[in-house]
Amino acid sequence: MLVALQYVAVKDCNDRNPLIRALAIRTMSYIPIPIVLDNLTEQLRHHLKDRDPYVRKTAAICVAKLYAADARKAERGGFVELLRDLLVDGNATVVANAVAALSEIADRPDGVVFKLNLAVANKLIAALGESSEYGDRSSGYGCLLTEAHADGARFTSSTHYYATSQRRTQTPS
């Protein structure tokens, strides 16, 4: 049954309809079994660069799910870096989901934290007004990004961890 599910999911990941592609990648991200995660990583790389913003925003959240299921696979695959690239996407909803996913990853004990430059921080602040996604999130991204902007573009998670985009080597403050 798992083989049949995988076949259908991978087939749907290549569908012309962006809703089908997004649903397929989201479904795969909810099945934390190694063989499914292997197929997910193959598809996720393409979906993070998909031409449709709905697929990209869904893929951004799937990176956080992949990280929760297998942090090493996510890091080795360069998915955190790909997710950071979405912070400068032209679509505000994609940016909002990238922020949400990065925050979710940063909040994990084994997560990474991020330091942004001023240009990216300004883009994130500008995106606040363009997307209701920020206001709908419970982690307070508006406050998070305002703090990042006021603090020299340091992106902090909702638990206030900060450092470079490498694995934590110090205790959080």
N, C-alpha and C. Protein backbone atom coordinates (compact mmCIF):
# COMPACT_ATOMS: atom_id res chain seq x y z
N MET A 1 0.82 -1.19 0.00
CA MET A 1 0.00 0.00 0.00
C MET A 1 0.87 1.27 0.00
N LEU A 2 1.96 1.25 0.77
CA LEU A 2 2.85 2.40 0.82
C LEU A 2 3.48 2.66 -0.55
N VAL A 3 3.82 1.60 -1.26
CA VAL A 3 4.41 1.74 -2.59
C VAL A 3 3.41 2.40 -3.54
N ALA A 4 2.16 1.99 -3.45
CA ALA A 4 1.12 2.57 -4.30
C ALA A 4 0.92 4.06 -3.97
N LEU A 5 0.92 4.38 -2.67
CA LEU A 5 0.77 5.76 -2.25
C LEU A 5 1.93 6.61 -2.77
N GLN A 6 3.14 6.07 -2.66
CA GLN A 6 4.31 6.80 -3.15
C GLN A 6 4.22 7.05 -4.64
N TYR A 7 3.82 6.03 -5.38
CA TYR A 7 3.71 6.16 -6.83
C TYR A 7 2.74 7.28 -7.19
N VAL A 8 1.58 7.29 -6.54
CA VAL A 8 0.57 8.31 -6.82
C VAL A 8 1.07 9.69 -6.40
N ALA A 9 1.71 9.78 -5.24
CA ALA A 9 2.20 11.08 -4.76
C ALA A 9 3.27 11.65 -5.68
N VAL A 10 4.20 10.82 -6.09
CA VAL A 10 5.26 11.29 -6.98
C VAL A 10 4.66 11.69 -8.33
N LYS A 11 3.71 10.92 -8.82
CA LYS A 11 3.03 11.25 -10.07
C LYS A 11 2.31 12.60 -9.93
N ASP A 12 1.63 12.80 -8.80
CA ASP A 12 0.91 14.05 -8.58
C ASP A 12 1.86 15.24 -8.39
N CYS A 13 3.05 15.00 -7.94
CA CYS A 13 4.03 16.08 -7.80
C CYS A 13 4.39 16.69 -9.15
N ASN A 14 4.16 15.97 -10.21
CA ASN A 14 4.47 16.45 -11.55
C ASN A 14 3.24 16.85 -12.35
N ASP A 15 2.11 16.95 -11.68
CA ASP A 15 0.85 17.33 -12.34
C ASP A 15 0.92 18.77 -12.83
N ARG A 16 0.16 19.08 -13.86
CA ARG A 16 0.12 20.45 -14.38
C ARG A 16 -0.59 21.40 -13.43
N ASN A 17 -1.53 20.88 -12.66
CA ASN A 17 -2.31 21.70 -11.74
C ASN A 17 -1.49 22.00 -10.46
N PRO A 18 -1.26 23.27 -10.15
CA PRO A 18 -0.45 23.60 -8.97
C PRO A 18 -1.08 23.14 -7.66
N LEU A 19 -2.40 23.09 -7.58
CA LEU A 19 -3.05 22.61 -6.36
C LEU A 19 -2.75 21.14 -6.12
N ILE A 20 -2.72 20.36 -7.18
CA ILE A 20 -2.40 18.94 -7.06
C ILE A 20 -0.95 18.77 -6.65
N ARG A 21 -0.05 19.55 -7.27
CA ARG A 21 1.37 19.47 -6.90
C ARG A 21 1.57 19.82 -5.43
N ALA A 22 0.92 20.89 -4.97
CA ALA A 22 1.07 21.31 -3.58
C ALA A 22 0.50 20.27 -2.62
N LEU A 23 -0.65 19.73 -2.94
CA LEU A 23 -1.27 18.71 -2.09
C LEU A 23 -0.39 17.47 -2.01
N ALA A 24 0.21 17.09 -3.12
CA ALA A 24 1.07 15.90 -3.14
C ALA A 24 2.29 16.09 -2.24
N ILE A 25 2.94 17.23 -2.32
CA ILE A 25 4.13 17.47 -1.51
C ILE A 25 3.75 17.59 -0.04
N ARG A 26 2.61 18.20 0.24
CA ARG A 26 2.15 18.33 1.62
C ARG A 26 1.83 16.95 2.21
N THR A 27 1.17 16.12 1.44
CA THR A 27 0.83 14.78 1.90
C THR A 27 2.09 13.98 2.20
N MET A 28 3.06 14.05 1.32
CA MET A 28 4.31 13.32 1.54
C MET A 28 5.02 13.81 2.80
N SER A 29 4.92 15.10 3.09
CA SER A 29 5.62 15.65 4.25
C SER A 29 5.02 15.18 5.57
N TYR A 30 3.81 14.68 5.55
CA TYR A 30 3.16 14.19 6.75
C TYR A 30 3.44 12.71 7.03
N ILE A 31 4.24 12.07 6.18
CA ILE A 31 4.55 10.65 6.35
C ILE A 31 6.04 10.51 6.63
N PRO A 32 6.43 10.50 7.92
CA PRO A 32 7.86 10.50 8.26
C PRO A 32 8.51 9.12 8.21
N ILE A 33 8.38 8.45 7.09
CA ILE A 33 8.99 7.15 6.87
C ILE A 33 10.17 7.36 5.92
N PRO A 34 11.33 6.75 6.21
CA PRO A 34 12.53 7.03 5.40
C PRO A 34 12.34 6.97 3.89
N ILE A 35 11.66 5.98 3.38
CA ILE A 35 11.50 5.88 1.92
C ILE A 35 10.65 7.02 1.37
N VAL A 36 9.66 7.45 2.13
CA VAL A 36 8.83 8.58 1.69
C VAL A 36 9.64 9.88 1.79
N LEU A 37 10.43 10.01 2.85
CA LEU A 37 11.27 11.20 2.99
C LEU A 37 12.29 11.30 1.85
N ASP A 38 12.79 10.17 1.39
CA ASP A 38 13.72 10.19 0.26
C ASP A 38 13.03 10.76 -0.98
N ASN A 39 11.81 10.29 -1.24
CA ASN A 39 11.06 10.82 -2.39
C ASN A 39 10.69 12.28 -2.17
N LEU A 40 10.38 12.63 -0.92
CA LEU A 40 10.03 14.02 -0.61
C LEU A 40 11.19 14.95 -0.92
N THR A 41 12.39 14.56 -0.52
CA THR A 41 13.54 15.45 -0.75
C THR A 41 13.78 15.67 -2.24
N GLU A 42 13.58 14.64 -3.03
CA GLU A 42 13.74 14.79 -4.48
C GLU A 42 12.74 15.80 -5.04
N GLN A 43 11.50 15.69 -4.60
CA GLN A 43 10.44 16.57 -5.11
C GLN A 43 10.49 17.97 -4.51
N LEU A 44 10.84 18.04 -3.23
CA LEU A 44 10.83 19.32 -2.52
C LEU A 44 11.78 20.34 -3.14
N ARG A 45 12.93 19.88 -3.56
CA ARG A 45 13.91 20.77 -4.18
C ARG A 45 13.31 21.49 -5.39
N HIS A 46 12.54 20.77 -6.19
CA HIS A 46 11.91 21.37 -7.37
C HIS A 46 10.74 22.28 -6.98
N HIS A 47 9.99 21.87 -5.98
CA HIS A 47 8.80 22.62 -5.59
C HIS A 47 9.14 23.95 -4.91
N LEU A 48 10.29 24.04 -4.28
CA LEU A 48 10.71 25.31 -3.68
C LEU A 48 11.02 26.35 -4.75
N LYS A 49 11.23 25.91 -5.98
CA LYS A 49 11.52 26.81 -7.10
C LYS A 49 10.41 26.78 -8.15
N ASP A 50 9.27 26.22 -7.79
CA ASP A 50 8.14 26.10 -8.72
C ASP A 50 7.70 27.48 -9.21
N ARG A 51 7.14 27.52 -10.39
CA ARG A 51 6.69 28.79 -10.95
C ARG A 51 5.45 29.32 -10.24
N ASP A 52 4.70 28.46 -9.57
CA ASP A 52 3.47 28.87 -8.91
C ASP A 52 3.72 29.19 -7.43
N PRO A 53 3.29 30.36 -6.96
CA PRO A 53 3.55 30.73 -5.57
C PRO A 53 2.85 29.82 -4.54
N TYR A 54 1.70 29.27 -4.90
CA TYR A 54 1.02 28.37 -3.97
C TYR A 54 1.86 27.12 -3.71
N VAL A 55 2.49 26.62 -4.72
CA VAL A 55 3.35 25.44 -4.57
C VAL A 55 4.58 25.81 -3.75
N ARG A 56 5.17 26.98 -4.01
CA ARG A 56 6.35 27.40 -3.24
C ARG A 56 6.03 27.60 -1.77
N LYS A 57 4.88 28.22 -1.48
CA LYS A 57 4.53 28.46 -0.08
C LYS A 57 4.26 27.15 0.65
N THR A 58 3.67 26.20 -0.03
CA THR A 58 3.43 24.89 0.57
C THR A 58 4.75 24.16 0.78
N ALA A 59 5.63 24.24 -0.19
CA ALA A 59 6.94 23.60 -0.07
C ALA A 59 7.74 24.19 1.09
N ALA A 60 7.60 25.48 1.34
CA ALA A 60 8.31 26.10 2.46
C ALA A 60 7.92 25.46 3.78
N ILE A 61 6.66 25.25 4.00
CA ILE A 61 6.20 24.61 5.23
C ILE A 61 6.66 23.16 5.28
N CYS A 62 6.73 22.51 4.14
CA CYS A 62 7.20 21.12 4.09
C CYS A 62 8.66 21.00 4.50
N VAL A 63 9.46 22.04 4.29
CA VAL A 63 10.85 22.00 4.74
C VAL A 63 10.89 21.88 6.27
N ALA A 64 10.04 22.62 6.96
CA ALA A 64 9.99 22.52 8.42
C ALA A 64 9.57 21.12 8.85
N LYS A 65 8.65 20.52 8.14
CA LYS A 65 8.22 19.15 8.46
C LYS A 65 9.35 18.15 8.19
N LEU A 66 10.07 18.34 7.10
CA LEU A 66 11.22 17.49 6.82
C LEU A 66 12.26 17.64 7.91
N TYR A 67 12.50 18.87 8.33
CA TYR A 67 13.49 19.11 9.38
C TYR A 67 13.07 18.43 10.68
N ALA A 68 11.79 18.46 11.00
CA ALA A 68 11.29 17.80 12.21
C ALA A 68 11.45 16.29 12.12
N ALA A 69 11.27 15.74 10.94
CA ALA A 69 11.37 14.29 10.76
C ALA A 69 12.81 13.82 10.67
N ASP A 70 13.67 14.59 10.00
CA ASP A 70 15.07 14.18 9.82
C ASP A 70 15.91 15.44 9.58
N ALA A 71 16.37 16.03 10.68
CA ALA A 71 17.12 17.29 10.59
C ALA A 71 18.39 17.14 9.77
N ARG A 72 19.08 16.02 9.92
CA ARG A 72 20.32 15.82 9.16
C ARG A 72 20.06 15.78 7.66
N LYS A 73 19.00 15.10 7.26
CA LYS A 73 18.66 15.03 5.83
C LYS A 73 18.34 16.43 5.30
N ALA A 74 17.62 17.21 6.08
CA ALA A 74 17.27 18.57 5.66
C ALA A 74 18.51 19.44 5.54
N GLU A 75 19.43 19.31 6.49
CA GLU A 75 20.64 20.11 6.44
C GLU A 75 21.57 19.66 5.32
N ARG A 76 21.76 18.35 5.19
CA ARG A 76 22.64 17.84 4.13
C ARG A 76 22.10 18.18 2.75
N GLY A 77 20.78 18.20 2.62
CA GLY A 77 20.18 18.51 1.34
C GLY A 77 20.16 20.00 1.00
N GLY A 78 20.60 20.83 1.93
CA GLY A 78 20.62 22.27 1.69
C GLY A 78 19.25 22.92 1.72
N PHE A 79 18.28 22.27 2.36
CA PHE A 79 16.92 22.79 2.35
C PHE A 79 16.74 24.04 3.19
N VAL A 80 17.51 24.18 4.25
CA VAL A 80 17.40 25.39 5.06
C VAL A 80 17.86 26.59 4.24
N GLU A 81 18.93 26.42 3.47
CA GLU A 81 19.41 27.50 2.61
C GLU A 81 18.39 27.83 1.52
N LEU A 82 17.79 26.80 0.94
CA LEU A 82 16.75 27.04 -0.07
C LEU A 82 15.57 27.79 0.54
N LEU A 83 15.25 27.45 1.77
CA LEU A 83 14.17 28.14 2.47
C LEU A 83 14.53 29.60 2.72
N ARG A 84 15.76 29.84 3.09
CA ARG A 84 16.21 31.23 3.30
C ARG A 84 16.13 32.02 2.00
N ASP A 85 16.36 31.37 0.87
CA ASP A 85 16.25 32.06 -0.42
C ASP A 85 14.83 32.56 -0.67
N LEU A 86 13.84 31.88 -0.11
CA LEU A 86 12.45 32.30 -0.29
C LEU A 86 12.12 33.57 0.48
N LEU A 87 12.99 34.01 1.36
CA LEU A 87 12.74 35.25 2.10
C LEU A 87 12.72 36.47 1.19
N VAL A 88 13.28 36.34 0.02
CA VAL A 88 13.27 37.45 -0.94
C VAL A 88 12.38 37.15 -2.15
N ASP A 89 11.47 36.21 -1.99
CA ASP A 89 10.53 35.87 -3.05
C ASP A 89 9.65 37.09 -3.35
N GLY A 90 9.16 37.17 -4.55
CA GLY A 90 8.30 38.28 -4.94
C GLY A 90 6.88 38.18 -4.41
N ASN A 91 6.50 37.04 -3.88
CA ASN A 91 5.15 36.84 -3.38
C ASN A 91 5.17 36.90 -1.85
N ALA A 92 4.36 37.78 -1.27
CA ALA A 92 4.36 37.98 0.19
C ALA A 92 3.91 36.74 0.95
N THR A 93 3.01 35.96 0.39
CA THR A 93 2.56 34.75 1.07
C THR A 93 3.67 33.71 1.12
N VAL A 94 4.47 33.63 0.09
CA VAL A 94 5.63 32.73 0.08
C VAL A 94 6.61 33.17 1.16
N VAL A 95 6.85 34.46 1.23
CA VAL A 95 7.76 35.00 2.25
C VAL A 95 7.23 34.69 3.64
N ALA A 96 5.93 34.89 3.85
CA ALA A 96 5.32 34.61 5.15
C ALA A 96 5.51 33.15 5.55
N ASN A 97 5.32 32.24 4.63
CA ASN A 97 5.49 30.83 4.94
C ASN A 97 6.96 30.46 5.15
N ALA A 98 7.86 31.13 4.45
CA ALA A 98 9.29 30.91 4.68
C ALA A 98 9.66 31.36 6.09
N VAL A 99 9.15 32.51 6.52
CA VAL A 99 9.39 32.99 7.87
C VAL A 99 8.82 32.01 8.89
N ALA A 100 7.61 31.53 8.64
CA ALA A 100 6.98 30.58 9.55
C ALA A 100 7.81 29.31 9.67
N ALA A 101 8.27 28.79 8.56
CA ALA A 101 9.07 27.56 8.57
C ALA A 101 10.41 27.78 9.25
N LEU A 102 11.07 28.89 8.97
CA LEU A 102 12.35 29.18 9.61
C LEU A 102 12.18 29.35 11.11
N SER A 103 11.11 29.98 11.51
CA SER A 103 10.84 30.16 12.93
C SER A 103 10.59 28.82 13.61
N GLU A 104 9.84 27.96 12.94
CA GLU A 104 9.58 26.62 13.49
C GLU A 104 10.87 25.82 13.63
N ILE A 105 11.74 25.92 12.65
CA ILE A 105 13.04 25.23 12.72
C ILE A 105 13.89 25.82 13.83
N ALA A 106 13.91 27.15 13.93
CA ALA A 106 14.74 27.81 14.94
C ALA A 106 14.27 27.51 16.36
N ASP A 107 12.99 27.24 16.53
CA ASP A 107 12.44 26.95 17.86
C ASP A 107 12.77 25.54 18.35
N ARG A 108 13.26 24.70 17.47
CA ARG A 108 13.60 23.33 17.87
C ARG A 108 14.93 23.33 18.63
N PRO A 109 15.07 22.43 19.61
CA PRO A 109 16.34 22.37 20.35
C PRO A 109 17.54 22.06 19.45
N ASP A 110 17.31 21.28 18.39
CA ASP A 110 18.39 20.95 17.46
C ASP A 110 18.38 21.84 16.23
N GLY A 111 17.58 22.88 16.27
CA GLY A 111 17.40 23.75 15.11
C GLY A 111 18.56 24.68 14.88
N VAL A 112 18.43 25.43 13.82
CA VAL A 112 19.42 26.44 13.49
C VAL A 112 18.76 27.80 13.67
N VAL A 113 19.55 28.81 13.79
CA VAL A 113 19.03 30.17 13.89
C VAL A 113 19.72 31.03 12.84
N PHE A 114 19.18 32.18 12.59
CA PHE A 114 19.57 32.91 11.40
C PHE A 114 19.89 34.35 11.69
N LYS A 115 20.86 34.87 10.98
CA LYS A 115 21.18 36.28 11.04
C LYS A 115 20.99 36.83 9.63
N LEU A 116 20.15 37.84 9.52
CA LEU A 116 19.83 38.41 8.22
C LEU A 116 20.55 39.73 8.03
N ASN A 117 20.75 40.08 6.77
CA ASN A 117 21.30 41.40 6.50
C ASN A 117 20.16 42.42 6.46
N LEU A 118 20.51 43.67 6.44
CA LEU A 118 19.52 44.74 6.52
C LEU A 118 18.58 44.73 5.31
N ALA A 119 19.09 44.41 4.14
CA ALA A 119 18.25 44.39 2.94
C ALA A 119 17.14 43.36 3.06
N VAL A 120 17.47 42.17 3.55
CA VAL A 120 16.45 41.13 3.70
C VAL A 120 15.47 41.51 4.81
N ALA A 121 15.98 42.06 5.90
CA ALA A 121 15.10 42.49 6.99
C ALA A 121 14.11 43.55 6.50
N ASN A 122 14.58 44.50 5.70
CA ASN A 122 13.69 45.53 5.16
C ASN A 122 12.64 44.92 4.24
N LYS A 123 13.02 43.92 3.44
CA LYS A 123 12.06 43.24 2.57
C LYS A 123 10.99 42.55 3.40
N LEU A 124 11.39 41.92 4.51
CA LEU A 124 10.44 41.25 5.37
C LEU A 124 9.49 42.25 6.03
N ILE A 125 10.01 43.37 6.45
CA ILE A 125 9.17 44.41 7.05
C ILE A 125 8.16 44.92 6.02
N ALA A 126 8.61 45.13 4.79
CA ALA A 126 7.72 45.60 3.73
C ALA A 126 6.63 44.57 3.43
N ALA A 127 6.97 43.30 3.56
CA ALA A 127 6.00 42.24 3.27
C ALA A 127 4.90 42.16 4.31
N LEU A 128 5.12 42.73 5.49
CA LEU A 128 4.09 42.69 6.53
C LEU A 128 2.76 43.25 6.05
N GLY A 129 2.83 44.36 5.35
CA GLY A 129 1.60 45.00 4.89
C GLY A 129 0.95 44.32 3.71
N GLU A 130 1.68 43.46 3.02
CA GLU A 130 1.18 42.82 1.81
C GLU A 130 0.50 41.49 2.06
N SER A 131 0.67 40.92 3.23
CA SER A 131 0.17 39.57 3.45
C SER A 131 -0.52 39.45 4.79
N SER A 132 -1.71 38.88 4.77
CA SER A 132 -2.41 38.64 6.02
C SER A 132 -1.84 37.43 6.73
N GLU A 133 -0.99 36.66 6.06
CA GLU A 133 -0.37 35.48 6.67
C GLU A 133 0.36 35.84 7.95
N TYR A 134 1.04 37.00 7.97
CA TYR A 134 1.80 37.39 9.15
C TYR A 134 0.86 37.59 10.33
N GLY A 135 -0.23 38.28 10.11
CA GLY A 135 -1.14 38.57 11.20
C GLY A 135 -1.89 37.36 11.70
N ASP A 136 -2.02 36.33 10.88
CA ASP A 136 -2.78 35.15 11.27
C ASP A 136 -1.95 34.16 12.07
N ARG A 137 -0.67 34.31 12.13
CA ARG A 137 0.20 33.36 12.81
C ARG A 137 0.22 33.66 14.31
N SER A 138 0.31 32.64 15.12
CA SER A 138 0.28 32.82 16.57
C SER A 138 1.63 33.20 17.15
N SER A 139 2.70 33.09 16.38
CA SER A 139 4.03 33.36 16.93
C SER A 139 4.41 34.83 16.89
N GLY A 140 3.58 35.68 16.32
CA GLY A 140 3.86 37.11 16.34
C GLY A 140 4.98 37.53 15.41
N TYR A 141 4.86 37.24 14.12
CA TYR A 141 5.92 37.58 13.18
C TYR A 141 6.09 39.07 13.01
N GLY A 142 5.01 39.83 13.16
CA GLY A 142 5.16 41.29 13.06
C GLY A 142 6.12 41.79 14.13
N CYS A 143 5.93 41.36 15.36
CA CYS A 143 6.85 41.74 16.44
C CYS A 143 8.24 41.18 16.18
N LEU A 144 8.30 39.96 15.71
CA LEU A 144 9.57 39.31 15.42
C LEU A 144 10.36 40.10 14.39
N LEU A 145 9.72 40.50 13.32
CA LEU A 145 10.42 41.21 12.26
C LEU A 145 10.72 42.64 12.65
N THR A 146 9.84 43.28 13.40
CA THR A 146 10.12 44.63 13.87
C THR A 146 11.33 44.62 14.78
N GLU A 147 11.41 43.62 15.66
CA GLU A 147 12.58 43.48 16.52
C GLU A 147 13.83 43.25 15.69
N ALA A 148 13.71 42.42 14.65
CA ALA A 148 14.86 42.14 13.79
C ALA A 148 15.35 43.42 13.13
N HIS A 149 14.41 44.23 12.65
CA HIS A 149 14.76 45.48 11.99
C HIS A 149 15.41 46.46 12.96
N ALA A 150 14.84 46.60 14.13
CA ALA A 150 15.34 47.55 15.12
C ALA A 150 16.66 47.10 15.73
N ASP A 151 16.94 45.81 15.66
CA ASP A 151 18.13 45.26 16.31
C ASP A 151 19.25 45.00 15.30
N GLY A 152 19.33 45.79 14.27
CA GLY A 152 20.42 45.64 13.30
C GLY A 152 20.21 44.43 12.42
N ALA A 153 18.98 44.09 12.10
CA ALA A 153 18.64 43.01 11.18
C ALA A 153 18.96 41.63 11.74
N ARG A 154 18.88 41.46 13.03
CA ARG A 154 19.09 40.13 13.60
C ARG A 154 17.73 39.45 13.70
N PHE A 155 17.58 38.33 13.01
CA PHE A 155 16.35 37.55 13.04
C PHE A 155 16.39 36.67 14.27
N THR A 156 15.40 36.82 15.13
CA THR A 156 15.36 35.98 16.32
C THR A 156 14.10 35.15 16.26
N SER A 157 14.17 33.95 16.79
CA SER A 157 12.97 33.13 16.82
C SER A 157 12.07 33.64 17.92
N SER A 158 10.89 33.09 18.01
CA SER A 158 9.96 33.55 19.03
C SER A 158 10.46 33.24 20.43
N THR A 159 11.45 32.41 20.55
CA THR A 159 12.06 32.16 21.86
C THR A 159 13.38 32.91 22.00
N HIS A 160 13.64 33.81 21.08
CA HIS A 160 14.76 34.75 21.13
C HIS A 160 16.14 34.13 21.02
N TYR A 161 16.27 33.06 20.25
CA TYR A 161 17.60 32.53 19.95
C TYR A 161 18.17 33.35 18.81
N TYR A 162 19.47 33.51 18.81
CA TYR A 162 20.09 34.16 17.66
C TYR A 162 21.53 33.70 17.51
N ALA A 163 22.03 33.77 16.28
CA ALA A 163 23.41 33.42 15.95
C ALA A 163 23.55 33.46 14.44
N THR A 164 24.45 32.73 13.89
CA THR A 164 24.57 32.63 12.44
C THR A 164 23.75 31.46 11.96
N SER A 165 23.74 31.21 10.68
CA SER A 165 22.92 30.13 10.16
C SER A 165 23.64 28.80 10.22
N GLN A 166 24.34 28.58 11.32
CA GLN A 166 24.98 27.30 11.56
C GLN A 166 24.37 26.69 12.81
N ARG A 167 24.65 25.44 13.05
CA ARG A 167 24.14 24.77 14.24
C ARG A 167 24.61 25.53 15.48
N ARG A 168 23.76 25.60 16.48
CA ARG A 168 24.08 26.34 17.71
C ARG A 168 25.33 25.78 18.36
N THR A 169 26.21 26.70 18.73
CA THR A 169 27.42 26.30 19.45
C THR A 169 27.48 26.95 20.81
N GLN A 170 26.48 27.76 21.10
CA GLN A 170 26.45 28.42 22.40
C GLN A 170 25.06 28.27 23.00
N THR A 171 24.93 28.54 24.26
CA THR A 171 23.62 28.43 24.89
C THR A 171 22.80 29.65 24.50
N PRO A 172 21.48 29.47 24.31
CA PRO A 172 20.66 30.61 23.91
C PRO A 172 20.54 31.61 25.04
N SER A 173 20.41 32.87 24.66
CA SER A 173 20.27 33.92 25.66
C SER A 173 18.82 34.25 25.90
